[in-house]
Amino acid sequence: MCRLNPLFSGSASESINRVQLLGRVGQDPVMRQVEGRNPVTIFSVATNEMWRSGEGESMSTGDVSQKTTWHRISVFKPGLRDVAYQYVKKGSRILVEGKLDYGEYVDKNNVRRQATTIIADNIVFLSDNVRDRS
C-alpha cells in the first residue's frame, strides 16, 4: 500500500534528485577546465551488487553472482573539488553524495553521445587506499 508522506505534502512542483554511492575509486582524479566554467575534478567509483541464484536461494546455498557498475563523478564545488583532487586516490573506499545529471557531448568522431554523471556535493573518506582492504 502506498501513502503520501506528510513531510512531502507541498506543491506538486517539489522534487528530489539525490544519489548516495558507497564504493571504490577506479582511478586517480583528473582536473579539467571546462570552457567558460570553473574547473571540475572527475573520477569514477565502482559499486558492487551481489546475489545468490539457482537452487535454494538461501544465504548458504546457490551460486553467487556479482555485478560491478561504474559511475562517473564530477566535483564542481570549489573547496570540495580541490580536496577531491588532492586526496581521492585509486582504490580508496568513499561515500559520494550528490545529484544525478544527464548530458550530451560530441566525441572525437563527431558523434553525439549521452553521458550520466553524479554531481558530488559531499565526499566521505572511508579508507586511504586499496591497502586498507582486509
Protein backbone atom coordinates (compact mmCIF):
# COMPACT_ATOMS: atom_id res chain seq x y z
CA MET A 1 0.00 0.00 0.00
CA CYS A 2 1.31 3.46 -0.87
CA ARG A 3 0.68 6.53 1.24
CA LEU A 4 1.62 10.14 0.89
CA ASN A 5 4.26 11.22 3.35
CA PRO A 6 3.11 14.33 5.24
CA LEU A 7 6.69 15.66 5.13
CA PHE A 8 6.35 15.97 1.34
CA SER A 9 2.85 17.36 1.16
CA GLY A 10 3.92 20.62 -0.51
CA SER A 11 3.27 21.66 -4.06
CA ALA A 12 3.44 19.22 -6.94
CA SER A 13 6.50 21.05 -8.29
CA GLU A 14 8.72 19.90 -5.40
CA SER A 15 11.06 17.06 -6.27
CA ILE A 16 14.22 15.33 -5.10
CA ASN A 17 17.33 14.37 -7.06
CA ARG A 18 19.69 12.71 -4.54
CA VAL A 19 22.26 9.96 -5.01
CA GLN A 20 24.44 8.14 -2.48
CA LEU A 21 27.17 5.80 -3.69
CA LEU A 22 29.46 3.71 -1.49
CA GLY A 23 32.31 2.11 -3.40
CA ARG A 24 35.92 2.17 -4.52
CA VAL A 25 37.63 4.76 -6.70
CA GLY A 26 38.63 3.44 -10.14
CA GLN A 27 41.46 5.84 -10.96
CA ASP A 28 43.14 8.92 -9.55
CA PRO A 29 41.08 12.03 -10.27
CA VAL A 30 41.83 14.50 -13.04
CA MET A 31 41.05 18.20 -13.01
CA ARG A 32 39.72 19.68 -16.23
CA GLN A 33 38.96 23.21 -17.24
CA VAL A 34 35.55 23.37 -18.86
CA GLU A 35 35.23 26.19 -21.39
CA GLY A 36 33.50 29.18 -19.82
CA ARG A 37 33.20 27.47 -16.43
CA ASN A 38 35.23 26.77 -13.32
CA PRO A 39 37.49 23.69 -13.22
CA VAL A 40 35.97 20.29 -12.44
CA THR A 41 37.52 17.26 -10.73
CA ILE A 42 36.49 13.97 -12.35
CA PHE A 43 36.91 10.37 -11.20
CA SER A 44 35.00 7.08 -11.24
CA VAL A 45 33.57 4.93 -8.46
CA ALA A 46 32.69 1.24 -8.69
CA THR A 47 29.75 -0.21 -6.78
CA ASN A 48 29.15 -3.95 -6.48
CA GLU A 49 25.89 -5.84 -6.25
CA MET A 50 25.98 -9.47 -5.10
CA TRP A 51 23.22 -12.08 -5.06
CA ARG A 52 22.70 -15.82 -4.90
CA SER A 53 20.92 -17.60 -7.70
CA GLY A 54 19.96 -21.10 -8.67
CA GLU A 55 18.54 -23.85 -6.49
CA GLY A 56 17.97 -22.92 -2.87
CA GLU A 57 18.39 -19.17 -2.94
CA SER A 58 19.20 -19.09 0.78
CA MET A 59 22.23 -17.31 2.16
CA SER A 60 24.24 -20.54 2.39
CA THR A 61 23.46 -22.22 -0.96
CA GLY A 62 23.26 -21.28 -4.61
CA ASP A 63 25.74 -19.64 -6.95
CA VAL A 64 27.00 -16.19 -6.05
CA SER A 65 26.76 -13.62 -8.83
CA GLN A 66 28.23 -10.14 -8.83
CA LYS A 67 27.67 -7.08 -10.97
CA THR A 68 30.02 -4.09 -10.91
CA THR A 69 28.67 -0.72 -12.02
CA TRP A 70 30.95 2.23 -12.79
CA HIS A 71 29.80 5.76 -12.00
CA ARG A 72 31.35 9.00 -13.30
CA ILE A 73 31.74 11.58 -10.52
CA SER A 74 32.17 15.31 -11.23
CA VAL A 75 33.02 17.80 -8.48
CA PHE A 76 32.40 21.48 -9.27
CA LYS A 77 32.09 22.86 -5.71
CA PRO A 78 35.36 24.85 -5.24
CA GLY A 79 36.51 23.60 -1.80
CA LEU A 80 35.37 20.03 -2.36
CA ARG A 81 36.78 19.99 -5.90
CA ASP A 82 40.29 20.74 -4.59
CA VAL A 83 40.05 18.27 -1.68
CA ALA A 84 38.84 15.54 -4.05
CA TYR A 85 41.67 16.22 -6.48
CA GLN A 86 44.27 16.09 -3.72
CA TYR A 87 43.02 13.21 -1.55
CA VAL A 88 40.86 10.85 -3.64
CA LYS A 89 43.10 8.01 -4.81
CA LYS A 90 42.62 4.85 -6.86
CA GLY A 91 41.32 2.08 -4.59
CA SER A 92 40.05 4.43 -1.86
CA ARG A 93 36.72 3.49 -0.32
CA ILE A 94 34.44 6.53 -0.32
CA LEU A 95 30.84 7.62 0.08
CA VAL A 96 29.70 10.16 -2.52
CA GLU A 97 26.53 12.20 -2.09
CA GLY A 98 25.18 14.33 -4.88
CA LYS A 99 22.69 14.53 -7.71
CA LEU A 100 22.19 12.69 -10.97
CA ASP A 101 22.87 14.66 -14.15
CA TYR A 102 22.26 13.70 -17.78
CA GLY A 103 24.10 15.48 -20.55
CA GLU A 104 25.38 15.23 -24.09
CA TYR A 105 28.78 15.64 -25.67
CA VAL A 106 30.34 15.19 -29.10
CA ASP A 107 33.11 12.57 -29.20
CA LYS A 108 36.33 12.71 -31.24
CA ASN A 109 34.50 11.12 -34.21
CA ASN A 110 31.92 13.92 -34.13
CA VAL A 111 29.22 11.56 -32.81
CA ARG A 112 26.74 12.91 -30.27
CA ARG A 113 26.81 10.81 -27.06
CA GLN A 114 24.76 10.69 -23.87
CA ALA A 115 26.54 10.93 -20.50
CA THR A 116 25.30 10.20 -17.00
CA THR A 117 27.23 11.87 -14.19
CA ILE A 118 26.93 12.21 -10.43
CA ILE A 119 27.49 15.85 -9.43
CA ALA A 120 29.05 15.47 -5.97
CA ASP A 121 28.28 17.85 -3.15
CA ASN A 122 29.81 15.74 -0.36
CA ILE A 123 32.51 13.07 -0.14
CA VAL A 124 33.21 10.95 2.94
CA PHE A 125 36.60 9.23 3.01
CA LEU A 126 36.28 5.74 4.50
CA SER A 127 39.83 4.50 3.81
CA ASP A 128 43.09 5.83 2.48
CA ASN A 129 43.55 3.35 -0.35
CA VAL A 130 43.42 -0.24 -1.54
CA ARG A 131 45.89 -1.34 1.19
CA ASP A 132 43.10 -0.84 3.75
CA ARG A 133 41.19 -3.85 2.39
CA SER A 134 41.31 -6.72 4.87
